[in-house]
Each structure stands twice: as C-alpha cells, then as structure tokens.
Amino acid sequence: VFDETPQKSRRFVQKHPGFVVATKNKQ
C-alpha cells in the first residue's frame, strides 16, 4: 500500500478475482 492520493485503506484487503486458462507450462 503506497502513500497515494487518494490513499488506499490499509485495513481492507484488495481482492483480485479472475481466472486464467493455460494451454501449456501448467506444472
């Protein structure tokens, strides 16, 4: 959490939902 304007909360965790389908290099 950087000191930005406006400042992001340090008490709430940012969530990043999503998914990736990999066609190779899975392991």
mmCIF file of all heavy atoms, coordinates in Angstrom:
data_MODEL
# 
_entry.id   MODEL 
# 
loop_
_atom_site.group_PDB 
_atom_site.id 
_atom_site.type_symbol 
_atom_site.label_atom_id 
_atom_site.label_alt_id 
_atom_site.label_comp_id 
_atom_site.label_asym_id 
_atom_site.label_entity_id 
_atom_site.label_seq_id 
_atom_site.pdbx_PDB_ins_code 
_atom_site.Cartn_x 
_atom_site.Cartn_y 
_atom_site.Cartn_z 
_atom_site.occupancy 
_atom_site.B_iso_or_equiv 
_atom_site.pdbx_formal_charge 
_atom_site.auth_seq_id 
_atom_site.auth_comp_id 
_atom_site.auth_asym_id 
_atom_site.auth_atom_id 
_atom_site.pdbx_PDB_model_num 
ATOM 1   N N   . VAL A 1 1  ? 0.876   -1.160  0.000   1.00 0.00 ? 1  VAL A N   1 
ATOM 2   C CA  . VAL A 1 1  ? 0.000   0.000   0.000   1.00 0.00 ? 1  VAL A CA  1 
ATOM 3   C C   . VAL A 1 1  ? 0.919   1.217   0.000   1.00 0.00 ? 1  VAL A C   1 
ATOM 4   O O   . VAL A 1 1  ? 1.670   1.433   0.941   1.00 0.00 ? 1  VAL A O   1 
ATOM 5   C CB  . VAL A 1 1  ? -0.928  0.029   1.231   1.00 0.00 ? 1  VAL A CB  1 
ATOM 6   C CG1 . VAL A 1 1  ? -1.753  1.299   1.245   1.00 0.00 ? 1  VAL A CG1 1 
ATOM 7   C CG2 . VAL A 1 1  ? -1.825  -1.193  1.244   1.00 0.00 ? 1  VAL A CG2 1 
ATOM 8   N N   . PHE A 1 2  ? 0.883   1.950   -1.082  1.00 0.00 ? 2  PHE A N   1 
ATOM 9   C CA  . PHE A 1 2  ? 1.749   3.120   -1.205  1.00 0.00 ? 2  PHE A CA  1 
ATOM 10  C C   . PHE A 1 2  ? 1.023   4.356   -0.711  1.00 0.00 ? 2  PHE A C   1 
ATOM 11  O O   . PHE A 1 2  ? -0.205  4.394   -0.658  1.00 0.00 ? 2  PHE A O   1 
ATOM 12  C CB  . PHE A 1 2  ? 2.157   3.324   -2.670  1.00 0.00 ? 2  PHE A CB  1 
ATOM 13  C CG  . PHE A 1 2  ? 2.964   2.173   -3.213  1.00 0.00 ? 2  PHE A CG  1 
ATOM 14  C CD1 . PHE A 1 2  ? 2.370   1.216   -4.016  1.00 0.00 ? 2  PHE A CD1 1 
ATOM 15  C CD2 . PHE A 1 2  ? 4.308   2.047   -2.909  1.00 0.00 ? 2  PHE A CD2 1 
ATOM 16  C CE1 . PHE A 1 2  ? 3.111   0.153   -4.516  1.00 0.00 ? 2  PHE A CE1 1 
ATOM 17  C CE2 . PHE A 1 2  ? 5.054   0.985   -3.401  1.00 0.00 ? 2  PHE A CE2 1 
ATOM 18  C CZ  . PHE A 1 2  ? 4.456   0.036   -4.207  1.00 0.00 ? 2  PHE A CZ  1 
ATOM 19  N N   . ASP A 1 3  ? 1.763   5.374   -0.360  1.00 0.00 ? 3  ASP A N   1 
ATOM 20  C CA  . ASP A 1 3  ? 1.159   6.643   0.011   1.00 0.00 ? 3  ASP A CA  1 
ATOM 21  C C   . ASP A 1 3  ? 0.748   7.356   -1.264  1.00 0.00 ? 3  ASP A C   1 
ATOM 22  O O   . ASP A 1 3  ? 1.572   7.936   -1.969  1.00 0.00 ? 3  ASP A O   1 
ATOM 23  C CB  . ASP A 1 3  ? 2.142   7.489   0.833   1.00 0.00 ? 3  ASP A CB  1 
ATOM 24  C CG  . ASP A 1 3  ? 2.380   6.895   2.202   1.00 0.00 ? 3  ASP A CG  1 
ATOM 25  O OD1 . ASP A 1 3  ? 1.443   6.268   2.735   1.00 0.00 ? 3  ASP A OD1 1 
ATOM 26  O OD2 . ASP A 1 3  ? 3.492   7.041   2.736   1.00 0.00 ? 3  ASP A OD2 1 
ATOM 27  N N   . GLU A 1 4  ? -0.537  7.241   -1.579  1.00 0.00 ? 4  GLU A N   1 
ATOM 28  C CA  . GLU A 1 4  ? -1.092  7.809   -2.799  1.00 0.00 ? 4  GLU A CA  1 
ATOM 29  C C   . GLU A 1 4  ? -2.171  8.804   -2.429  1.00 0.00 ? 4  GLU A C   1 
ATOM 30  O O   . GLU A 1 4  ? -2.605  8.881   -1.293  1.00 0.00 ? 4  GLU A O   1 
ATOM 31  C CB  . GLU A 1 4  ? -1.736  6.709   -3.662  1.00 0.00 ? 4  GLU A CB  1 
ATOM 32  C CG  . GLU A 1 4  ? -0.835  5.544   -3.957  1.00 0.00 ? 4  GLU A CG  1 
ATOM 33  C CD  . GLU A 1 4  ? -1.595  4.379   -4.593  1.00 0.00 ? 4  GLU A CD  1 
ATOM 34  O OE1 . GLU A 1 4  ? -2.775  4.169   -4.269  1.00 0.00 ? 4  GLU A OE1 1 
ATOM 35  O OE2 . GLU A 1 4  ? -0.993  3.693   -5.413  1.00 0.00 ? 4  GLU A OE2 1 
ATOM 36  N N   . THR A 1 5  ? -2.642  9.536   -3.396  1.00 0.00 ? 5  THR A N   1 
ATOM 37  C CA  . THR A 1 5  ? -3.798  10.390  -3.211  1.00 0.00 ? 5  THR A CA  1 
ATOM 38  C C   . THR A 1 5  ? -4.813  9.992   -4.261  1.00 0.00 ? 5  THR A C   1 
ATOM 39  O O   . THR A 1 5  ? -4.494  10.037  -5.441  1.00 0.00 ? 5  THR A O   1 
ATOM 40  C CB  . THR A 1 5  ? -3.418  11.879  -3.373  1.00 0.00 ? 5  THR A CB  1 
ATOM 41  O OG1 . THR A 1 5  ? -2.375  12.177  -2.456  1.00 0.00 ? 5  THR A OG1 1 
ATOM 42  C CG2 . THR A 1 5  ? -4.598  12.775  -3.121  1.00 0.00 ? 5  THR A CG2 1 
ATOM 43  N N   . PRO A 1 6  ? -6.015  9.560   -3.916  1.00 0.00 ? 6  PRO A N   1 
ATOM 44  C CA  . PRO A 1 6  ? -6.466  9.319   -2.538  1.00 0.00 ? 6  PRO A CA  1 
ATOM 45  C C   . PRO A 1 6  ? -5.816  8.064   -1.973  1.00 0.00 ? 6  PRO A C   1 
ATOM 46  O O   . PRO A 1 6  ? -5.482  7.148   -2.707  1.00 0.00 ? 6  PRO A O   1 
ATOM 47  C CB  . PRO A 1 6  ? -7.976  9.146   -2.686  1.00 0.00 ? 6  PRO A CB  1 
ATOM 48  C CG  . PRO A 1 6  ? -8.169  8.637   -4.070  1.00 0.00 ? 6  PRO A CG  1 
ATOM 49  C CD  . PRO A 1 6  ? -7.058  9.231   -4.899  1.00 0.00 ? 6  PRO A CD  1 
ATOM 50  N N   . GLN A 1 7  ? -5.666  8.058   -0.658  1.00 0.00 ? 7  GLN A N   1 
ATOM 51  C CA  . GLN A 1 7  ? -4.946  6.962   -0.005  1.00 0.00 ? 7  GLN A CA  1 
ATOM 52  C C   . GLN A 1 7  ? -5.827  5.720   0.132   1.00 0.00 ? 7  GLN A C   1 
ATOM 53  O O   . GLN A 1 7  ? -6.946  5.785   0.623   1.00 0.00 ? 7  GLN A O   1 
ATOM 54  C CB  . GLN A 1 7  ? -4.462  7.402   1.364   1.00 0.00 ? 7  GLN A CB  1 
ATOM 55  C CG  . GLN A 1 7  ? -3.519  6.402   1.986   1.00 0.00 ? 7  GLN A CG  1 
ATOM 56  C CD  . GLN A 1 7  ? -2.913  6.910   3.273   1.00 0.00 ? 7  GLN A CD  1 
ATOM 57  O OE1 . GLN A 1 7  ? -3.431  7.807   3.898   1.00 0.00 ? 7  GLN A OE1 1 
ATOM 58  N NE2 . GLN A 1 7  ? -1.812  6.315   3.676   1.00 0.00 ? 7  GLN A NE2 1 
ATOM 59  N N   . LYS A 1 8  ? -5.283  4.573   -0.289  1.00 0.00 ? 8  LYS A N   1 
ATOM 60  C CA  . LYS A 1 8  ? -5.994  3.301   -0.154  1.00 0.00 ? 8  LYS A CA  1 
ATOM 61  C C   . LYS A 1 8  ? -5.961  2.847   1.300   1.00 0.00 ? 8  LYS A C   1 
ATOM 62  O O   . LYS A 1 8  ? -5.018  3.128   2.027   1.00 0.00 ? 8  LYS A O   1 
ATOM 63  C CB  . LYS A 1 8  ? -5.352  2.229   -1.032  1.00 0.00 ? 8  LYS A CB  1 
ATOM 64  C CG  . LYS A 1 8  ? -5.511  2.471   -2.503  1.00 0.00 ? 8  LYS A CG  1 
ATOM 65  C CD  . LYS A 1 8  ? -4.844  1.360   -3.293  1.00 0.00 ? 8  LYS A CD  1 
ATOM 66  C CE  . LYS A 1 8  ? -4.864  1.648   -4.773  1.00 0.00 ? 8  LYS A CE  1 
ATOM 67  N NZ  . LYS A 1 8  ? -4.144  0.621   -5.535  1.00 0.00 ? 8  LYS A NZ  1 
ATOM 68  N N   . SER A 1 9  ? -6.988  2.129   1.677   1.00 0.00 ? 9  SER A N   1 
ATOM 69  C CA  . SER A 1 9  ? -7.085  1.599   3.026   1.00 0.00 ? 9  SER A CA  1 
ATOM 70  C C   . SER A 1 9  ? -6.001  0.561   3.263   1.00 0.00 ? 9  SER A C   1 
ATOM 71  O O   . SER A 1 9  ? -5.676  -0.229  2.382   1.00 0.00 ? 9  SER A O   1 
ATOM 72  C CB  . SER A 1 9  ? -8.455  0.955   3.227   1.00 0.00 ? 9  SER A CB  1 
ATOM 73  O OG  . SER A 1 9  ? -8.500  0.268   4.453   1.00 0.00 ? 9  SER A OG  1 
ATOM 74  N N   . ARG A 1 10 ? -5.478  0.549   4.476   1.00 0.00 ? 10 ARG A N   1 
ATOM 75  C CA  . ARG A 1 10 ? -4.546  -0.495  4.893   1.00 0.00 ? 10 ARG A CA  1 
ATOM 76  C C   . ARG A 1 10 ? -5.279  -1.544  5.733   1.00 0.00 ? 10 ARG A C   1 
ATOM 77  O O   . ARG A 1 10 ? -4.692  -2.531  6.123   1.00 0.00 ? 10 ARG A O   1 
ATOM 78  C CB  . ARG A 1 10 ? -3.396  0.113   5.698   1.00 0.00 ? 10 ARG A CB  1 
ATOM 79  C CG  . ARG A 1 10 ? -2.518  1.024   4.859   1.00 0.00 ? 10 ARG A CG  1 
ATOM 80  C CD  . ARG A 1 10 ? -1.484  1.721   5.745   1.00 0.00 ? 10 ARG A CD  1 
ATOM 81  N NE  . ARG A 1 10 ? -0.821  2.783   5.013   1.00 0.00 ? 10 ARG A NE  1 
ATOM 82  C CZ  . ARG A 1 10 ? 0.416   2.699   4.543   1.00 0.00 ? 10 ARG A CZ  1 
ATOM 83  N NH1 . ARG A 1 10 ? 1.118   1.621   4.744   1.00 0.00 ? 10 ARG A NH1 1 
ATOM 84  N NH2 . ARG A 1 10 ? 0.949   3.696   3.892   1.00 0.00 ? 10 ARG A NH2 1 
ATOM 85  N N   . ARG A 1 11 ? -6.557  -1.297  6.026   1.00 0.00 ? 11 ARG A N   1 
ATOM 86  C CA  . ARG A 1 11 ? -7.342  -2.210  6.858   1.00 0.00 ? 11 ARG A CA  1 
ATOM 87  C C   . ARG A 1 11 ? -8.161  -3.196  6.028   1.00 0.00 ? 11 ARG A C   1 
ATOM 88  O O   . ARG A 1 11 ? -8.613  -4.204  6.549   1.00 0.00 ? 11 ARG A O   1 
ATOM 89  C CB  . ARG A 1 11 ? -8.275  -1.405  7.756   1.00 0.00 ? 11 ARG A CB  1 
ATOM 90  C CG  . ARG A 1 11 ? -7.511  -0.535  8.749   1.00 0.00 ? 11 ARG A CG  1 
ATOM 91  C CD  . ARG A 1 11 ? -8.416  0.419   9.457   1.00 0.00 ? 11 ARG A CD  1 
ATOM 92  N NE  . ARG A 1 11 ? -9.176  -0.254  10.496  1.00 0.00 ? 11 ARG A NE  1 
ATOM 93  C CZ  . ARG A 1 11 ? -10.079 0.356   11.233  1.00 0.00 ? 11 ARG A CZ  1 
ATOM 94  N NH1 . ARG A 1 11 ? -10.343 1.637   11.041  1.00 0.00 ? 11 ARG A NH1 1 
ATOM 95  N NH2 . ARG A 1 11 ? -10.735 -0.308  12.155  1.00 0.00 ? 11 ARG A NH2 1 
ATOM 96  N N   . PHE A 1 12 ? -8.389  -2.896  4.765   1.00 0.00 ? 12 PHE A N   1 
ATOM 97  C CA  . PHE A 1 12 ? -9.169  -3.761  3.890   1.00 0.00 ? 12 PHE A CA  1 
ATOM 98  C C   . PHE A 1 12 ? -8.239  -4.371  2.845   1.00 0.00 ? 12 PHE A C   1 
ATOM 99  O O   . PHE A 1 12 ? -7.442  -3.667  2.237   1.00 0.00 ? 12 PHE A O   1 
ATOM 100 C CB  . PHE A 1 12 ? -10.272 -2.966  3.175   1.00 0.00 ? 12 PHE A CB  1 
ATOM 101 C CG  . PHE A 1 12 ? -11.420 -2.589  4.064   1.00 0.00 ? 12 PHE A CG  1 
ATOM 102 C CD1 . PHE A 1 12 ? -11.308 -1.530  4.946   1.00 0.00 ? 12 PHE A CD1 1 
ATOM 103 C CD2 . PHE A 1 12 ? -12.596 -3.293  4.021   1.00 0.00 ? 12 PHE A CD2 1 
ATOM 104 C CE1 . PHE A 1 12 ? -12.364 -1.178  5.774   1.00 0.00 ? 12 PHE A CE1 1 
ATOM 105 C CE2 . PHE A 1 12 ? -13.658 -2.955  4.842   1.00 0.00 ? 12 PHE A CE2 1 
ATOM 106 C CZ  . PHE A 1 12 ? -13.536 -1.892  5.726   1.00 0.00 ? 12 PHE A CZ  1 
ATOM 107 N N   . VAL A 1 13 ? -8.353  -5.651  2.620   1.00 0.00 ? 13 VAL A N   1 
ATOM 108 C CA  . VAL A 1 13 ? -7.513  -6.346  1.656   1.00 0.00 ? 13 VAL A CA  1 
ATOM 109 C C   . VAL A 1 13 ? -8.147  -6.232  0.277   1.00 0.00 ? 13 VAL A C   1 
ATOM 110 O O   . VAL A 1 13 ? -9.331  -6.512  0.105   1.00 0.00 ? 13 VAL A O   1 
ATOM 111 C CB  . VAL A 1 13 ? -7.349  -7.838  2.036   1.00 0.00 ? 13 VAL A CB  1 
ATOM 112 C CG1 . VAL A 1 13 ? -6.560  -8.587  0.980   1.00 0.00 ? 13 VAL A CG1 1 
ATOM 113 C CG2 . VAL A 1 13 ? -6.697  -7.965  3.400   1.00 0.00 ? 13 VAL A CG2 1 
ATOM 114 N N   . GLN A 1 14 ? -7.361  -5.816  -0.688  1.00 0.00 ? 14 GLN A N   1 
ATOM 115 C CA  . GLN A 1 14 ? -7.842  -5.722  -2.062  1.00 0.00 ? 14 GLN A CA  1 
ATOM 116 C C   . GLN A 1 14 ? -8.002  -7.124  -2.645  1.00 0.00 ? 14 GLN A C   1 
ATOM 117 O O   . GLN A 1 14 ? -7.097  -7.943  -2.541  1.00 0.00 ? 14 GLN A O   1 
ATOM 118 C CB  . GLN A 1 14 ? -6.861  -4.916  -2.920  1.00 0.00 ? 14 GLN A CB  1 
ATOM 119 C CG  . GLN A 1 14 ? -7.262  -4.773  -4.364  1.00 0.00 ? 14 GLN A CG  1 
ATOM 120 C CD  . GLN A 1 14 ? -8.515  -3.941  -4.547  1.00 0.00 ? 14 GLN A CD  1 
ATOM 121 O OE1 . GLN A 1 14 ? -8.731  -2.983  -3.830  1.00 0.00 ? 14 GLN A OE1 1 
ATOM 122 N NE2 . GLN A 1 14 ? -9.339  -4.305  -5.498  1.00 0.00 ? 14 GLN A NE2 1 
ATOM 123 N N   . LYS A 1 15 ? -9.139  -7.399  -3.217  1.00 0.00 ? 15 LYS A N   1 
ATOM 124 C CA  . LYS A 1 15 ? -9.402  -8.697  -3.845  1.00 0.00 ? 15 LYS A CA  1 
ATOM 125 C C   . LYS A 1 15 ? -9.209  -8.579  -5.346  1.00 0.00 ? 15 LYS A C   1 
ATOM 126 O O   . LYS A 1 15 ? -9.482  -7.529  -5.941  1.00 0.00 ? 15 LYS A O   1 
ATOM 127 C CB  . LYS A 1 15 ? -10.824 -9.182  -3.553  1.00 0.00 ? 15 LYS A CB  1 
ATOM 128 C CG  . LYS A 1 15 ? -11.139 -9.306  -2.078  1.00 0.00 ? 15 LYS A CG  1 
ATOM 129 C CD  . LYS A 1 15 ? -10.300 -10.361 -1.430  1.00 0.00 ? 15 LYS A CD  1 
ATOM 130 C CE  . LYS A 1 15 ? -10.691 -10.523 0.037   1.00 0.00 ? 15 LYS A CE  1 
ATOM 131 N NZ  . LYS A 1 15 ? -9.816  -11.365 0.763   1.00 0.00 ? 15 LYS A NZ  1 
ATOM 132 N N   . HIS A 1 16 ? -8.738  -9.656  -5.967  1.00 0.00 ? 16 HIS A N   1 
ATOM 133 C CA  . HIS A 1 16 ? -8.480  -9.688  -7.410  1.00 0.00 ? 16 HIS A CA  1 
ATOM 134 C C   . HIS A 1 16 ? -9.081  -10.960 -8.016  1.00 0.00 ? 16 HIS A C   1 
ATOM 135 O O   . HIS A 1 16 ? -8.360  -11.883 -8.369  1.00 0.00 ? 16 HIS A O   1 
ATOM 136 C CB  . HIS A 1 16 ? -6.975  -9.653  -7.689  1.00 0.00 ? 16 HIS A CB  1 
ATOM 137 C CG  . HIS A 1 16 ? -6.311  -8.396  -7.250  1.00 0.00 ? 16 HIS A CG  1 
ATOM 138 N ND1 . HIS A 1 16 ? -6.384  -7.233  -7.971  1.00 0.00 ? 16 HIS A ND1 1 
ATOM 139 C CD2 . HIS A 1 16 ? -5.563  -8.119  -6.160  1.00 0.00 ? 16 HIS A CD2 1 
ATOM 140 C CE1 . HIS A 1 16 ? -5.697  -6.291  -7.351  1.00 0.00 ? 16 HIS A CE1 1 
ATOM 141 N NE2 . HIS A 1 16 ? -5.192  -6.807  -6.249  1.00 0.00 ? 16 HIS A NE2 1 
ATOM 142 N N   . PRO A 1 17 ? -10.401 -11.043 -8.131  1.00 0.00 ? 17 PRO A N   1 
ATOM 143 C CA  . PRO A 1 17 ? -10.985 -12.262 -8.706  1.00 0.00 ? 17 PRO A CA  1 
ATOM 144 C C   . PRO A 1 17 ? -10.746 -12.372 -10.201 1.00 0.00 ? 17 PRO A C   1 
ATOM 145 O O   . PRO A 1 17 ? -10.706 -11.367 -10.917 1.00 0.00 ? 17 PRO A O   1 
ATOM 146 C CB  . PRO A 1 17 ? -12.477 -12.120 -8.391  1.00 0.00 ? 17 PRO A CB  1 
ATOM 147 C CG  . PRO A 1 17 ? -12.700 -10.654 -8.224  1.00 0.00 ? 17 PRO A CG  1 
ATOM 148 C CD  . PRO A 1 17 ? -11.400 -10.078 -7.715  1.00 0.00 ? 17 PRO A CD  1 
ATOM 149 N N   . GLY A 1 18 ? -10.573 -13.592 -10.644 1.00 0.00 ? 18 GLY A N   1 
ATOM 150 C CA  . GLY A 1 18 ? -10.383 -13.845 -12.067 1.00 0.00 ? 18 GLY A CA  1 
ATOM 151 C C   . GLY A 1 18 ? -9.813  -15.234 -12.263 1.00 0.00 ? 18 GLY A C   1 
ATOM 152 O O   . GLY A 1 18 ? -9.570  -15.958 -11.300 1.00 0.00 ? 18 GLY A O   1 
ATOM 153 N N   . PHE A 1 19 ? -9.634  -15.623 -13.509 1.00 0.00 ? 19 PHE A N   1 
ATOM 154 C CA  . PHE A 1 19 ? -9.009  -16.906 -13.779 1.00 0.00 ? 19 PHE A CA  1 
ATOM 155 C C   . PHE A 1 19 ? -8.341  -16.908 -15.140 1.00 0.00 ? 19 PHE A C   1 
ATOM 156 O O   . PHE A 1 19 ? -8.687  -16.145 -16.028 1.00 0.00 ? 19 PHE A O   1 
ATOM 157 C CB  . PHE A 1 19 ? -9.996  -18.074 -13.643 1.00 0.00 ? 19 PHE A CB  1 
ATOM 158 C CG  . PHE A 1 19 ? -11.166 -18.030 -14.580 1.00 0.00 ? 19 PHE A CG  1 
ATOM 159 C CD1 . PHE A 1 19 ? -11.109 -18.658 -15.808 1.00 0.00 ? 19 PHE A CD1 1 
ATOM 160 C CD2 . PHE A 1 19 ? -12.326 -17.374 -14.214 1.00 0.00 ? 19 PHE A CD2 1 
ATOM 161 C CE1 . PHE A 1 19 ? -12.196 -18.623 -16.675 1.00 0.00 ? 19 PHE A CE1 1 
ATOM 162 C CE2 . PHE A 1 19 ? -13.416 -17.344 -15.074 1.00 0.00 ? 19 PHE A CE2 1 
ATOM 163 C CZ  . PHE A 1 19 ? -13.359 -17.969 -16.301 1.00 0.00 ? 19 PHE A CZ  1 
ATOM 164 N N   . VAL A 1 20 ? -7.349  -17.773 -15.251 1.00 0.00 ? 20 VAL A N   1 
ATOM 165 C CA  . VAL A 1 20 ? -6.545  -17.919 -16.458 1.00 0.00 ? 20 VAL A CA  1 
ATOM 166 C C   . VAL A 1 20 ? -6.591  -19.376 -16.883 1.00 0.00 ? 20 VAL A C   1 
ATOM 167 O O   . VAL A 1 20 ? -6.442  -20.267 -16.050 1.00 0.00 ? 20 VAL A O   1 
ATOM 168 C CB  . VAL A 1 20 ? -5.062  -17.549 -16.195 1.00 0.00 ? 20 VAL A CB  1 
ATOM 169 C CG1 . VAL A 1 20 ? -4.218  -17.765 -17.436 1.00 0.00 ? 20 VAL A CG1 1 
ATOM 170 C CG2 . VAL A 1 20 ? -4.937  -16.144 -15.681 1.00 0.00 ? 20 VAL A CG2 1 
ATOM 171 N N   . VAL A 1 21 ? -6.788  -19.613 -18.166 1.00 0.00 ? 21 VAL A N   1 
ATOM 172 C CA  . VAL A 1 21 ? -6.642  -20.959 -18.711 1.00 0.00 ? 21 VAL A CA  1 
ATOM 173 C C   . VAL A 1 21 ? -5.292  -20.996 -19.407 1.00 0.00 ? 21 VAL A C   1 
ATOM 174 O O   . VAL A 1 21 ? -5.031  -20.206 -20.316 1.00 0.00 ? 21 VAL A O   1 
ATOM 175 C CB  . VAL A 1 21 ? -7.777  -21.295 -19.704 1.00 0.00 ? 21 VAL A CB  1 
ATOM 176 C CG1 . VAL A 1 21 ? -7.516  -22.633 -20.376 1.00 0.00 ? 21 VAL A CG1 1 
ATOM 177 C CG2 . VAL A 1 21 ? -9.123  -21.298 -18.986 1.00 0.00 ? 21 VAL A CG2 1 
ATOM 178 N N   . ALA A 1 22 ? -4.420  -21.880 -18.935 1.00 0.00 ? 22 ALA A N   1 
ATOM 179 C CA  . ALA A 1 22 ? -3.089  -22.024 -19.525 1.00 0.00 ? 22 ALA A CA  1 
ATOM 180 C C   . ALA A 1 22 ? -3.112  -23.194 -20.502 1.00 0.00 ? 22 ALA A C   1 
ATOM 181 O O   . ALA A 1 22 ? -3.627  -24.260 -20.189 1.00 0.00 ? 22 ALA A O   1 
ATOM 182 C CB  . ALA A 1 22 ? -2.051  -22.251 -18.450 1.00 0.00 ? 22 ALA A CB  1 
ATOM 183 N N   . THR A 1 23 ? -2.549  -22.980 -21.677 1.00 0.00 ? 23 THR A N   1 
ATOM 184 C CA  . THR A 1 23 ? -2.525  -24.031 -22.697 1.00 0.00 ? 23 THR A CA  1 
ATOM 185 C C   . THR A 1 23 ? -1.247  -24.862 -22.656 1.00 0.00 ? 23 THR A C   1 
ATOM 186 O O   . THR A 1 23 ? -1.167  -25.897 -23.301 1.00 0.00 ? 23 THR A O   1 
ATOM 187 C CB  . THR A 1 23 ? -2.680  -23.417 -24.098 1.00 0.00 ? 23 THR A CB  1 
ATOM 188 O OG1 . THR A 1 23 ? -1.643  -22.455 -24.292 1.00 0.00 ? 23 THR A OG1 1 
ATOM 189 C CG2 . THR A 1 23 ? -4.042  -22.751 -24.245 1.00 0.00 ? 23 THR A CG2 1 
ATOM 190 N N   . LYS A 1 24 ? -0.256  -24.394 -21.884 1.00 0.00 ? 24 LYS A N   1 
ATOM 191 C CA  . LYS A 1 24 ? 0.995   -25.130 -21.735 1.00 0.00 ? 24 LYS A CA  1 
ATOM 192 C C   . LYS A 1 24 ? 1.686   -24.638 -20.467 1.00 0.00 ? 24 LYS A C   1 
ATOM 193 O O   . LYS A 1 24 ? 1.227   -23.701 -19.826 1.00 0.00 ? 24 LYS A O   1 
ATOM 194 C CB  . LYS A 1 24 ? 1.897   -24.952 -22.958 1.00 0.00 ? 24 LYS A CB  1 
ATOM 195 C CG  . LYS A 1 24 ? 2.247   -23.506 -23.278 1.00 0.00 ? 24 LYS A CG  1 
ATOM 196 C CD  . LYS A 1 24 ? 3.063   -23.410 -24.553 1.00 0.00 ? 24 LYS A CD  1 
ATOM 197 C CE  . LYS A 1 24 ? 3.321   -21.947 -24.881 1.00 0.00 ? 24 LYS A CE  1 
ATOM 198 N NZ  . LYS A 1 24 ? 4.108   -21.802 -26.085 1.00 0.00 ? 24 LYS A NZ  1 
ATOM 199 N N   . ASN A 1 25 ? 2.783   -25.282 -20.100 1.00 0.00 ? 25 ASN A N   1 
ATOM 200 C CA  . ASN A 1 25 ? 3.581   -24.896 -18.920 1.00 0.00 ? 25 ASN A CA  1 
ATOM 201 C C   . ASN A 1 25 ? 2.787   -24.943 -17.619 1.00 0.00 ? 25 ASN A C   1 
ATOM 202 O O   . ASN A 1 25 ? 3.100   -24.230 -16.675 1.00 0.00 ? 25 ASN A O   1 
ATOM 203 C CB  . ASN A 1 25 ? 4.177   -23.484 -19.091 1.00 0.00 ? 25 ASN A CB  1 
ATOM 204 C CG  . ASN A 1 25 ? 5.086   -23.368 -20.275 1.00 0.00 ? 25 ASN A CG  1 
ATOM 205 O OD1 . ASN A 1 25 ? 5.851   -24.277 -20.582 1.00 0.00 ? 25 ASN A OD1 1 
ATOM 206 N ND2 . ASN A 1 25 ? 5.006   -22.255 -20.979 1.00 0.00 ? 25 ASN A ND2 1 
ATOM 207 N N   . LYS A 1 26 ? 1.756   -25.780 -17.549 1.00 0.00 ? 26 LYS A N   1 
ATOM 208 C CA  . LYS A 1 26 ? 0.888   -25.797 -16.369 1.00 0.00 ? 26 LYS A CA  1 
ATOM 209 C C   . LYS A 1 26 ? 1.647   -26.136 -15.093 1.00 0.00 ? 26 LYS A C   1 
ATOM 210 O O   . LYS A 1 26 ? 1.477   -25.460 -14.071 1.00 0.00 ? 26 LYS A O   1 
ATOM 211 C CB  . LYS A 1 26 ? -0.272  -26.764 -16.581 1.00 0.00 ? 26 LYS A CB  1 
ATOM 212 C CG  . LYS A 1 26 ? -1.215  -26.302 -17.676 1.00 0.00 ? 26 LYS A CG  1 
ATOM 213 C CD  . LYS A 1 26 ? -2.296  -27.322 -17.966 1.00 0.00 ? 26 LYS A CD  1 
ATOM 214 C CE  . LYS A 1 26 ? -3.057  -26.871 -19.213 1.00 0.00 ? 26 LYS A CE  1 
ATOM 215 N NZ  . LYS A 1 26 ? -4.009  -27.876 -19.651 1.00 0.00 ? 26 LYS A NZ  1 
ATOM 216 N N   . GLN A 1 27 ? 2.481   -27.157 -15.123 1.00 0.00 ? 27 GLN A N   1 
ATOM 217 C CA  . GLN A 1 27 ? 3.226   -27.544 -13.919 1.00 0.00 ? 27 GLN A CA  1 
ATOM 218 C C   . GLN A 1 27 ? 4.223   -26.465 -13.515 1.00 0.00 ? 27 GLN A C   1 
ATOM 219 O O   . GLN A 1 27 ? 4.412   -26.210 -12.322 1.00 0.00 ? 27 GLN A O   1 
ATOM 220 C CB  . GLN A 1 27 ? 3.922   -28.896 -14.129 1.00 0.00 ? 27 GLN A CB  1 
ATOM 221 C CG  . GLN A 1 27 ? 2.957   -30.058 -14.273 1.00 0.00 ? 27 GLN A CG  1 
ATOM 222 C CD  . GLN A 1 27 ? 1.968   -30.158 -13.122 1.00 0.00 ? 27 GLN A CD  1 
ATOM 223 O OE1 . GLN A 1 27 ? 2.331   -30.016 -11.954 1.00 0.00 ? 27 GLN A OE1 1 
ATOM 224 N NE2 . GLN A 1 27 ? 0.705   -30.375 -13.446 1.00 0.00 ? 27 GLN A NE2 1 
# 
